[in-house]
């Protein structure tokens, strides 16, 4: 052998020694990755309040589980340990832990959480959670430890749906069962079920107001029992139940909303908005006034604004996710601004607030903002010819000076007398003066216009019935059957 061949032979010998070692190391690396945990479902997982959740989790073990005959330390290390937990608001809470045939469920999840298939398939760690609550929203971790190895997978779960209390604008306890169901439908919701109200209660919801539910029962949830809110449970917390009542009895209602296909957004301006200006603002931004249900759903998804704003039903509310004292107290929720101290009545339409608008994912809004944008004093701009309503006060309700300007009645017959081109200029109903009333082609000599009656003359939604003009006397105009104080509250947004 030549001396110059010796280095090459030594190099080959070194390679033969090193390669098996490299192969072994690679095998060890693959073996360490044999423990895999998978949650085979897209995230986020959407679940429904009061319903159940099934969250799959599959494990591929690094080593087969020990046989029943195996004992000692090796058996303990080889037996996989399973843990489900949830991370919510920065805090991780244990749901359950399992090892072998033992499953321990945490106290907070007793009777709600279980491993669905674990008893007959140890590699299937699917979590089943019943009676879902709002605070079940969070990041769920499926974790497995075997020996010195561990692996986990996380899935985001969002619990959709919110129960909320709703009352009529006019007063407390104003809904029969049918009216209650219609009221929820009108604001984009459904009447809540007893199961949904119970789930809301377990989520921390409290409301000391009895309300209709879908099964014709009347109930309300109380966390902190107190005088006036004991119901049928005395000093114990829980959902009070009046039982199934006659459908014509009067109560408030609990509504439920789950999904809204669109976006709720907050709008503001330096002087804020009247109700009609708020409506015009939303239309200008390719949206419409949000309903009460849409605002609750948006709050449930995280909308947080300490600014009261107009909604479509004429109410004023605002959503608080992060409570603070200057925003209505220490609890999250949707705050309502009432007109009266007994928590009834919606604010007057001319009062100024911010606005909450809703932009649908599908609907195109074709109305013009100019339909609602008039001068600040004009409440409805209802035009009969060119008739504007301004500042006329009836009782406590003020309309803005009802002026009949340039109202032309062509060929209007009163009895047998025909008035061609009867023009009423600046007719003011207050101390009511009819100024410059011109009757063309009518002789005002000895002709008396007696008892000319205009029945059910509608200006906007306001009916002036039986307005009688006797013998051309324009000083004493009588408005009969004008029950403005009994007008429905839903008409108030038209008035200043």
Protein backbone atom coordinates (compact mmCIF):
# COMPACT_ATOMS: atom_id res chain seq x y z
CA UNK A 1 0.00 0.00 0.00
CA UNK A 2 1.26 3.37 -0.96
CA UNK A 3 1.54 6.01 1.71
CA UNK A 4 -0.47 8.52 -0.32
CA UNK A 5 -3.55 6.14 -0.24
CA UNK A 6 -3.64 6.03 3.58
CA UNK A 7 -5.54 9.34 4.15
CA UNK A 8 -8.31 8.21 1.78
CA UNK A 9 -8.74 4.91 3.64
CA UNK A 10 -8.93 6.69 6.99
CA UNK A 11 -11.59 9.07 5.63
CA UNK A 12 -13.77 6.16 4.49
CA UNK A 13 -13.47 4.48 7.89
CA UNK A 14 -14.59 7.68 9.63
CA UNK A 15 -17.64 7.94 7.30
CA UNK A 16 -18.67 4.35 8.12
CA UNK A 17 -18.55 5.15 11.84
CA UNK A 18 -20.45 8.45 11.54
CA UNK A 19 -23.31 7.42 9.20
CA UNK A 20 -24.98 4.92 11.56
CA UNK A 21 -24.88 7.55 14.29
CA UNK A 22 -26.54 10.10 11.97
CA UNK A 23 -29.16 7.57 10.97
CA UNK A 24 -29.95 6.80 14.60
CA UNK A 25 -30.26 10.49 15.43
CA UNK A 26 -32.68 11.02 12.54
CA UNK A 27 -34.75 8.06 13.70
CA UNK A 28 -34.95 9.55 17.21
CA UNK A 29 -36.16 12.86 15.80
CA UNK A 30 -38.95 11.15 13.85
CA UNK A 31 -39.91 9.16 16.92
CA UNK A 32 -40.22 12.35 19.01
CA UNK A 33 -42.71 13.72 16.49
CA UNK A 34 -45.02 10.72 16.62
CA UNK A 35 -47.17 12.42 19.30
CA UNK A 36 -49.59 14.56 17.33
CA UNK A 37 -52.78 16.31 18.42
CA UNK A 38 -55.27 17.58 15.85
CA UNK A 39 -58.57 19.48 16.07
CA UNK A 40 -59.99 18.74 12.60
CA UNK A 41 -62.41 21.65 12.31
CA UNK A 42 -62.04 25.19 10.91
CA UNK A 43 -61.64 28.05 13.35
CA UNK A 44 -63.54 29.90 14.66
CA UNK A 45 -66.11 27.29 15.62
CA UNK A 46 -69.53 28.94 15.84
CA UNK A 47 -71.89 27.67 18.54
CA UNK A 48 -75.31 28.80 19.76
CA UNK A 49 -76.36 30.05 23.19
CA UNK A 50 -78.20 27.34 25.14
CA UNK A 51 -77.23 24.67 22.61
CA UNK A 52 -74.41 22.09 22.79
CA UNK A 53 -70.87 22.03 21.36
CA UNK A 54 -68.96 19.04 20.02
CA UNK A 55 -65.29 19.85 19.52
CA UNK A 56 -63.28 16.99 17.94
CA UNK A 57 -59.70 16.24 18.99
CA UNK A 58 -57.64 13.27 17.73
CA UNK A 59 -54.29 12.07 19.05
CA UNK A 60 -51.55 9.97 17.47
CA UNK A 61 -49.45 8.57 20.34
CA UNK A 62 -45.67 8.33 20.38
CA UNK A 63 -45.86 4.88 21.98
CA UNK A 64 -48.72 2.41 22.24
CA UNK A 65 -50.52 2.55 25.59
CA UNK A 66 -49.29 -0.06 28.11
CA UNK A 67 -51.10 -3.38 28.29
CA UNK A 68 -53.21 -4.16 31.39
CA UNK A 69 -50.43 -6.47 32.66
CA UNK A 70 -47.87 -3.65 32.63
CA UNK A 71 -47.28 -1.98 35.95
CA UNK A 72 -44.82 0.23 37.71
CA UNK A 73 -43.18 3.46 36.61
CA UNK A 74 -43.09 2.47 32.95
CA UNK A 75 -46.86 2.02 32.90
CA UNK A 76 -47.45 5.42 34.46
CA UNK A 77 -45.13 7.19 32.01
CA UNK A 78 -46.60 5.39 29.00
CA UNK A 79 -50.22 6.18 29.89
CA UNK A 80 -51.21 9.41 28.11
CA UNK A 81 -52.65 12.29 30.17
CA UNK A 82 -55.40 14.29 28.46
CA UNK A 83 -56.42 17.82 29.43
CA UNK A 84 -59.04 20.21 28.03
CA UNK A 85 -58.91 23.86 29.08
CA UNK A 86 -60.26 27.20 27.85
CA UNK A 87 -58.54 30.59 27.69
CA UNK A 88 -60.97 33.45 28.19
CA UNK A 89 -60.19 37.09 29.01
CA UNK A 90 -56.55 36.25 29.67
CA UNK A 91 -57.31 33.46 32.15
CA UNK A 92 -57.00 29.72 31.48
CA UNK A 93 -59.61 27.48 33.13
CA UNK A 94 -59.37 23.72 33.34
CA UNK A 95 -62.40 21.86 31.99
CA UNK A 96 -61.42 18.22 32.55
CA UNK A 97 -58.44 15.87 32.91
CA UNK A 98 -58.36 12.19 31.89
CA UNK A 99 -55.82 9.38 32.31
CA UNK A 100 -56.60 5.79 31.56
CA UNK A 101 -60.19 5.06 32.53
CA UNK A 102 -60.40 7.98 34.95
CA UNK A 103 -61.97 11.30 33.90
CA UNK A 104 -62.16 14.22 36.33
CA UNK A 105 -64.44 17.15 35.41
CA UNK A 106 -63.86 20.52 37.07
CA UNK A 107 -66.58 21.76 39.39
CA UNK A 108 -67.52 24.66 37.09
CA UNK A 109 -68.30 22.20 34.29
CA UNK A 110 -70.07 19.46 36.26
CA UNK A 111 -72.96 17.92 34.31
CA UNK A 112 -71.95 19.92 31.23
CA UNK A 113 -68.59 18.56 29.98
CA UNK A 114 -67.62 15.04 28.88
CA UNK A 115 -65.27 13.16 26.54
CA UNK A 116 -67.72 11.87 23.97
CA UNK A 117 -65.90 8.78 22.61
CA UNK A 118 -62.96 8.34 25.00
CA UNK A 119 -64.32 5.28 26.85
CA UNK A 120 -64.12 3.02 23.77
CA UNK A 121 -61.59 4.96 21.66
CA UNK A 122 -58.70 6.44 23.73
CA UNK A 123 -57.30 8.21 20.65
CA UNK A 124 -60.57 10.17 20.25
CA UNK A 125 -60.56 13.04 22.74
CA UNK A 126 -63.66 14.84 21.41
CA UNK A 127 -65.09 17.30 23.95
CA UNK A 128 -68.87 17.61 24.39
CA UNK A 129 -70.19 20.69 26.19
CA UNK A 130 -73.90 21.23 26.89
CA UNK A 131 -76.07 24.25 27.77
CA UNK A 132 -73.68 26.77 26.25
CA UNK A 133 -73.30 30.15 27.89
CA UNK A 134 -72.05 33.46 26.60
CA UNK A 135 -68.86 33.10 28.67
CA UNK A 136 -68.10 29.76 26.97
CA UNK A 137 -66.61 31.84 24.15
CA UNK A 138 -62.83 31.43 24.15
CA UNK A 139 -59.79 29.47 22.96
CA UNK A 140 -60.08 25.75 23.70
CA UNK A 141 -56.89 23.73 24.16
CA UNK A 142 -56.68 19.95 23.73
CA UNK A 143 -53.39 18.83 25.33
CA UNK A 144 -51.80 15.37 25.59
CA UNK A 145 -48.72 14.31 27.57
CA UNK A 146 -47.05 10.92 27.21
CA UNK A 147 -43.77 10.29 28.98
CA UNK A 148 -41.56 13.26 28.30
CA UNK A 149 -43.45 14.23 25.17
CA UNK A 150 -46.39 16.61 24.91
CA UNK A 151 -48.47 18.15 22.14
CA UNK A 152 -51.53 20.36 21.93
CA UNK A 153 -53.90 22.08 19.52
CA UNK A 154 -56.10 25.16 20.03
CA UNK A 155 -59.48 26.10 18.49
CA UNK A 156 -61.38 29.36 18.82
CA UNK A 157 -65.05 28.96 19.79
CA UNK A 158 -67.58 31.80 19.53
CA UNK A 159 -70.97 31.42 21.20
CA UNK A 160 -73.51 33.37 19.16
CA UNK A 161 -76.85 34.66 20.35
CA UNK A 162 -77.98 37.08 23.04
CA UNK A 163 -81.16 37.38 25.11
CA UNK A 164 -82.36 40.89 25.96
CA UNK A 165 -85.29 42.58 27.67
CA UNK A 166 -87.59 44.80 25.60
CA UNK A 167 -90.48 47.03 26.59
CA UNK A 168 -92.97 49.18 24.73
CA UNK A 169 -92.14 52.85 24.26
CA UNK A 170 -95.29 53.96 26.06
CA UNK A 171 -95.14 52.12 29.38
CA UNK A 172 -94.01 49.11 31.36
CA UNK A 173 -95.97 45.88 30.91
CA UNK A 174 -97.86 46.78 27.73
CA UNK A 175 -97.57 43.57 25.64
CA UNK A 176 -100.02 40.74 25.29
CA UNK A 177 -98.36 37.52 24.14
CA UNK A 178 -99.05 38.24 20.46
CA UNK A 179 -97.91 41.86 20.76
CA UNK A 180 -94.76 40.66 22.52
CA UNK A 181 -93.93 38.27 19.71
CA UNK A 182 -94.57 40.99 17.10
CA UNK A 183 -92.46 43.49 19.04
CA UNK A 184 -89.43 41.16 18.89
CA UNK A 185 -90.03 40.53 15.20
CA UNK A 186 -90.32 44.27 14.46
CA UNK A 187 -86.85 44.94 15.87
CA UNK A 188 -85.23 42.02 14.02
CA UNK A 189 -85.35 39.34 16.75
CA UNK A 190 -87.36 36.32 17.90
CA UNK A 191 -89.12 35.86 21.19
CA UNK A 192 -86.70 33.98 23.49
CA UNK A 193 -87.19 30.38 24.64
CA UNK A 194 -86.99 29.34 28.32
CA UNK A 195 -83.74 27.48 27.53
CA UNK A 196 -82.19 30.62 26.06
CA UNK A 197 -83.20 32.73 29.06
CA UNK A 198 -81.75 30.09 31.41
CA UNK A 199 -78.47 30.07 29.46
CA UNK A 200 -78.38 33.87 29.65
CA UNK A 201 -78.95 33.68 33.41
CA UNK A 202 -76.04 31.24 33.78
CA UNK A 203 -73.97 33.73 31.76
CA UNK A 204 -74.64 36.36 34.44
CA UNK A 205 -77.73 38.06 33.01
CA UNK A 206 -80.14 39.75 35.44
CA UNK A 207 -83.32 41.75 34.83
CA UNK A 208 -86.02 42.48 37.41
CA UNK A 209 -88.82 42.76 34.82
CA UNK A 210 -91.26 39.96 34.02
CA UNK A 211 -91.44 39.16 30.32
CA UNK A 212 -93.12 36.78 27.90
CA UNK A 213 -91.23 33.76 26.51
CA UNK A 214 -92.02 31.58 23.49
CA UNK A 215 -93.86 28.89 25.50
CA UNK A 216 -96.45 31.44 26.79
CA UNK A 217 -94.72 31.56 30.18
CA UNK A 218 -93.62 34.75 31.96
CA UNK A 219 -90.21 34.75 33.66
CA UNK A 220 -87.26 36.91 34.67
CA UNK A 221 -83.63 36.19 35.76
CA UNK A 222 -82.29 37.32 39.15
CA UNK A 223 -78.69 36.96 40.30
CA UNK A 224 -79.03 39.00 43.51
CA UNK A 225 -82.42 38.51 45.19
CA UNK A 226 -83.92 41.66 46.71
CA UNK A 227 -87.22 43.17 47.73
CA UNK A 228 -89.53 43.43 44.74
CA UNK A 229 -87.59 40.81 42.77
CA UNK A 230 -88.14 37.65 44.86
CA UNK A 231 -90.84 36.18 42.62
CA UNK A 232 -91.49 32.51 43.35
CA UNK A 233 -87.98 31.81 44.72
CA UNK A 234 -87.80 34.05 47.81
CA UNK A 235 -84.16 34.80 48.61
CA UNK A 236 -82.58 32.33 46.17
CA UNK A 237 -81.00 33.35 42.85
CA UNK A 238 -82.47 31.89 39.68
CA UNK A 239 -85.02 32.43 36.92
CA UNK A 240 -88.37 33.47 38.39
CA UNK A 241 -91.36 31.78 36.73
CA UNK A 242 -94.98 32.99 36.79
CA UNK A 243 -96.03 29.90 34.84
CA UNK A 244 -98.14 29.76 31.67
CA UNK A 245 -100.50 32.72 31.65
CA UNK A 246 -103.50 33.85 29.64
CA UNK A 247 -102.26 35.40 26.35
CA UNK A 248 -104.09 38.71 26.92
CA UNK A 249 -102.24 39.51 30.16
CA UNK A 250 -99.75 42.37 29.91
CA UNK A 251 -96.00 42.08 30.45
CA UNK A 252 -92.69 43.02 28.82
CA UNK A 253 -90.87 40.51 26.59
CA UNK A 254 -87.50 38.78 26.29
CA UNK A 255 -86.16 38.68 22.75
CA UNK A 256 -83.33 36.68 21.20
CA UNK A 257 -81.04 37.50 18.28
CA UNK A 258 -78.29 35.30 16.90
CA UNK A 259 -76.87 36.46 13.57
CA UNK A 260 -76.92 39.70 11.64
CA UNK A 261 -75.66 39.72 8.08
CA UNK A 262 -73.93 43.04 8.08
CA UNK A 263 -72.12 45.61 10.21
CA UNK A 264 -73.30 47.99 12.94
CA UNK A 265 -71.27 51.19 13.16
CA UNK A 266 -71.36 54.33 15.28
CA UNK A 267 -71.87 57.79 13.78
CA UNK A 268 -71.40 61.22 15.32
CA UNK A 269 -71.26 64.92 14.48
CA UNK A 270 -70.37 68.07 16.48
CA UNK A 271 -74.05 68.92 17.10
CA UNK A 272 -75.19 65.29 17.07
CA UNK A 273 -78.47 64.38 15.38
CA UNK A 274 -82.20 64.58 15.75
CA UNK A 275 -83.98 61.32 14.92
CA UNK A 276 -84.59 62.34 11.29
CA UNK A 277 -81.07 63.68 10.84
CA UNK A 278 -79.76 60.37 12.20
CA UNK A 279 -81.79 58.49 9.62
CA UNK A 280 -80.43 60.70 6.85
CA UNK A 281 -76.85 60.23 8.12
CA UNK A 282 -77.15 56.45 7.85
CA UNK A 283 -78.59 56.65 4.33
CA UNK A 284 -75.76 58.97 3.31
CA UNK A 285 -73.35 56.23 4.42
CA UNK A 286 -75.13 53.48 2.44
CA UNK A 287 -76.79 52.13 5.58
CA UNK A 288 -79.97 52.41 7.66
CA UNK A 289 -80.71 52.97 11.32
CA UNK A 290 -79.74 49.87 13.28
CA UNK A 291 -82.47 47.96 15.10
CA UNK A 292 -82.30 47.23 18.80
CA UNK A 293 -81.61 43.56 18.03
CA UNK A 294 -78.76 44.43 15.68
CA UNK A 295 -77.13 46.60 18.35
CA UNK A 296 -77.35 43.76 20.90
CA UNK A 297 -75.84 41.31 18.41
CA UNK A 298 -73.01 43.77 17.65
CA UNK A 299 -72.41 44.25 21.39
CA UNK A 300 -72.20 40.48 21.76
CA UNK A 301 -69.52 40.52 19.04
CA UNK A 302 -67.51 43.21 20.85
CA UNK A 303 -68.96 46.62 19.85
CA UNK A 304 -68.10 49.07 22.64
CA UNK A 305 -69.11 52.77 22.61
CA UNK A 306 -69.90 55.04 25.53
CA UNK A 307 -72.09 57.24 23.31
CA UNK A 308 -75.90 57.02 23.31
CA UNK A 309 -77.24 56.80 19.76
CA UNK A 310 -80.53 56.65 17.86
CA UNK A 311 -81.98 53.31 16.73
CA UNK A 312 -84.71 52.50 14.22
CA UNK A 313 -87.51 52.17 16.81
CA UNK A 314 -86.88 55.69 18.14
CA UNK A 315 -85.00 54.45 21.20
CA UNK A 316 -81.55 55.66 22.25
CA UNK A 317 -79.02 53.07 23.49
CA UNK A 318 -75.30 52.35 23.65
CA UNK A 319 -73.19 49.15 23.96
CA UNK A 320 -70.66 48.69 26.78
CA UNK A 321 -68.22 45.77 26.72
CA UNK A 322 -65.65 47.31 29.08
CA UNK A 323 -67.61 48.72 32.04
CA UNK A 324 -66.69 52.03 33.65
CA UNK A 325 -68.56 54.31 36.02
CA UNK A 326 -69.16 57.19 33.65
CA UNK A 327 -70.68 54.79 31.12
CA UNK A 328 -73.53 53.41 33.16
CA UNK A 329 -72.00 51.35 35.94
CA UNK A 330 -69.85 48.35 36.57
CA UNK A 331 -71.50 45.71 34.38
CA UNK A 332 -71.23 45.14 30.62
CA UNK A 333 -74.40 45.40 28.58
CA UNK A 334 -76.48 47.64 26.31
CA UNK A 335 -77.61 50.77 28.15
CA UNK A 336 -80.97 52.42 27.37
CA UNK A 337 -81.75 56.14 27.68
CA UNK A 338 -85.35 56.52 28.90
CA UNK A 339 -87.43 59.67 28.73
CA UNK A 340 -88.91 59.32 32.20
CA UNK A 341 -87.42 58.44 35.58
CA UNK A 342 -89.55 55.27 35.86
CA UNK A 343 -87.63 53.85 32.88
CA UNK A 344 -90.35 54.32 30.29
CA UNK A 345 -90.65 56.38 27.13
CA UNK A 346 -88.18 56.98 24.33
CA UNK A 347 -86.46 60.37 23.94
CA UNK A 348 -88.20 63.10 21.96
CA UNK A 349 -87.37 63.03 18.26
CA UNK A 350 -85.88 66.52 18.28
CA UNK A 351 -83.42 65.70 21.09
CA UNK A 352 -79.86 65.26 19.90
CA UNK A 353 -77.76 62.09 20.16
CA UNK A 354 -75.25 60.08 18.17
CA UNK A 355 -76.48 57.27 15.91
CA UNK A 356 -75.93 53.55 15.30
CA UNK A 357 -76.28 52.49 11.67
CA UNK A 358 -76.46 49.07 10.05
CA UNK A 359 -74.90 48.29 6.67
CA UNK A 360 -76.18 45.03 5.23
CA UNK A 361 -73.98 42.57 3.36
CA UNK A 362 -76.68 42.21 0.72
CA UNK A 363 -79.22 45.06 0.69
CA UNK A 364 -78.77 48.23 -1.35
CA UNK A 365 -80.36 51.35 0.15
CA UNK A 366 -82.09 53.43 -2.50
CA UNK A 367 -83.77 56.12 -0.36
CA UNK A 368 -82.31 59.58 -0.55
CA UNK A 369 -81.00 61.31 2.59
CA UNK A 370 -82.86 64.42 1.38
CA UNK A 371 -86.10 62.59 2.16
CA UNK A 372 -85.22 63.09 5.83
CA UNK A 373 -82.90 66.10 5.80
CA UNK A 374 -85.05 69.21 6.14
CA UNK A 375 -84.49 72.27 8.21
CA UNK A 376 -84.11 71.42 11.86
CA UNK A 377 -87.57 72.73 12.71
CA UNK A 378 -89.42 70.74 10.07
CA UNK A 379 -90.42 67.39 11.47
CA UNK A 380 -91.93 65.61 8.47
CA UNK A 381 -92.10 67.93 5.46
CA UNK A 382 -95.44 66.43 4.40
CA UNK A 383 -96.46 68.30 1.25
CA UNK A 384 -100.04 68.83 0.10
CA UNK A 385 -99.32 71.15 -2.78
CA UNK A 386 -96.77 73.11 -0.79
CA UNK A 387 -97.91 72.66 2.80
CA UNK A 388 -95.29 72.86 5.55
CA UNK A 389 -95.88 72.05 9.25
CA UNK A 390 -94.00 74.25 11.74
CA UNK A 391 -94.42 74.96 15.46
CA UNK A 392 -98.10 74.41 16.37
CA UNK A 393 -98.65 73.44 20.00
CA UNK A 394 -101.43 71.03 20.99
CA UNK A 395 -101.25 70.17 24.68
CA UNK A 396 -97.63 69.22 25.35
CA UNK A 397 -96.86 68.32 21.78
CA UNK A 398 -95.34 70.98 19.58
CA UNK A 399 -95.61 71.05 15.79
CA UNK A 400 -93.69 73.74 14.02
CA UNK A 401 -96.05 76.51 12.85
CA UNK A 402 -98.52 74.78 10.55
CA UNK A 403 -98.59 77.06 7.55
CA UNK A 404 -100.83 76.40 4.59
CA UNK A 405 -99.00 78.38 1.98
CA UNK A 406 -100.06 78.38 -1.65
CA UNK A 407 -102.49 75.52 -1.33
CA UNK A 408 -104.58 75.51 -4.46
CA UNK A 409 -107.87 73.65 -4.57
CA UNK A 410 -109.15 73.44 -8.13
CA UNK A 411 -112.81 72.76 -8.63
CA UNK A 412 -113.51 72.08 -4.96
CA UNK A 413 -117.27 71.82 -4.41
CA UNK A 414 -118.81 72.71 -1.01
CA UNK A 415 -122.50 71.91 -1.29
CA UNK A 416 -123.58 73.31 -4.66
CA UNK A 417 -120.97 76.03 -4.72
CA UNK A 418 -117.82 75.43 -6.71
CA UNK A 419 -114.60 77.23 -5.75
CA UNK A 420 -112.20 77.45 -8.64
CA UNK A 421 -108.61 78.11 -7.67
CA UNK A 422 -109.24 78.56 -3.97
CA UNK A 423 -105.92 79.75 -2.59
CA UNK A 424 -105.13 79.76 1.13
CA UNK A 425 -102.03 81.81 1.82
CA UNK A 426 -100.33 81.87 5.23
CA UNK A 427 -103.14 80.11 7.11
CA UNK A 428 -101.84 79.77 10.64
CA UNK A 429 -103.50 77.48 13.19
CA UNK A 430 -102.71 78.94 16.52
CA UNK A 431 -105.12 81.70 17.41
CA UNK A 432 -105.82 80.67 13.99
CA UNK A 433 -105.83 83.44 11.35
CA UNK A 434 -106.69 82.82 7.71
CA UNK A 435 -104.97 85.61 5.91
CA UNK A 436 -105.45 86.57 2.28
CA UNK A 437 -108.03 83.93 1.49
CA UNK A 438 -109.02 84.50 -2.11
CA UNK A 439 -112.08 82.85 -3.62
CA UNK A 440 -112.12 83.27 -7.36
CA UNK A 441 -115.38 82.99 -9.28
CA UNK A 442 -117.30 83.05 -5.97
CA UNK A 443 -119.40 85.99 -4.88
CA UNK A 444 -118.71 87.01 -1.28
CA UNK A 445 -121.60 89.39 -1.06
CA UNK A 446 -124.50 87.76 0.57
CA UNK A 447 -123.20 84.27 0.18
CA UNK A 448 -122.53 82.59 3.48
CA UNK A 449 -120.32 79.56 3.61
CA UNK A 450 -121.88 77.74 6.54
CA UNK A 451 -120.61 74.56 8.06
CA UNK A 452 -117.96 73.72 5.53
CA UNK A 453 -116.57 70.56 7.14
CA UNK A 454 -113.23 68.96 6.33
CA UNK A 455 -113.24 65.46 7.81
CA UNK A 456 -110.12 63.43 8.42
CA UNK A 457 -107.65 65.81 6.80
CA UNK A 458 -104.28 64.08 7.31
CA UNK A 459 -101.06 66.07 7.65
CA UNK A 460 -98.31 63.42 7.94
CA UNK A 461 -99.68 60.94 10.45
CA UNK A 462 -101.73 63.62 12.33
CA UNK A 463 -105.44 63.75 11.61
CA UNK A 464 -107.38 66.99 12.00
CA UNK A 465 -110.94 65.70 11.99
CA UNK A 466 -114.08 67.80 11.66
CA UNK A 467 -112.50 71.22 11.28
CA UNK A 468 -115.60 73.44 10.98
CA UNK A 469 -115.63 76.90 9.43
CA UNK A 470 -118.98 78.51 10.26
CA UNK A 471 -120.33 81.43 8.16
CA UNK A 472 -116.92 82.53 6.88
CA UNK A 473 -115.72 83.02 10.46
CA UNK A 474 -112.00 82.40 10.39
CA UNK A 475 -111.48 83.41 13.99
CA UNK A 476 -112.92 80.45 15.81
CA UNK A 477 -111.75 77.33 14.11
CA UNK A 478 -112.72 74.25 16.11
CA UNK A 479 -110.65 71.05 16.06
CA UNK A 480 -112.91 68.21 17.13
CA UNK A 481 -111.65 64.71 17.92
CA UNK A 482 -108.00 65.74 17.93
CA UNK A 483 -106.60 63.40 20.62
CA UNK A 484 -102.98 64.36 20.26
CA UNK A 485 -102.16 63.38 23.81
CA UNK A 486 -103.31 59.86 23.01
CA UNK A 487 -101.10 59.51 19.96
CA UNK A 488 -99.05 56.27 19.92
CA UNK A 489 -95.50 56.75 21.09
CA UNK A 490 -94.17 55.39 17.81
CA UNK A 491 -95.48 58.63 16.22
CA UNK A 492 -93.43 60.81 18.55
CA UNK A 493 -90.31 60.75 16.36
CA UNK A 494 -92.31 62.96 13.94
CA UNK A 495 -92.88 65.64 16.55
CA UNK A 496 -90.77 68.25 18.19
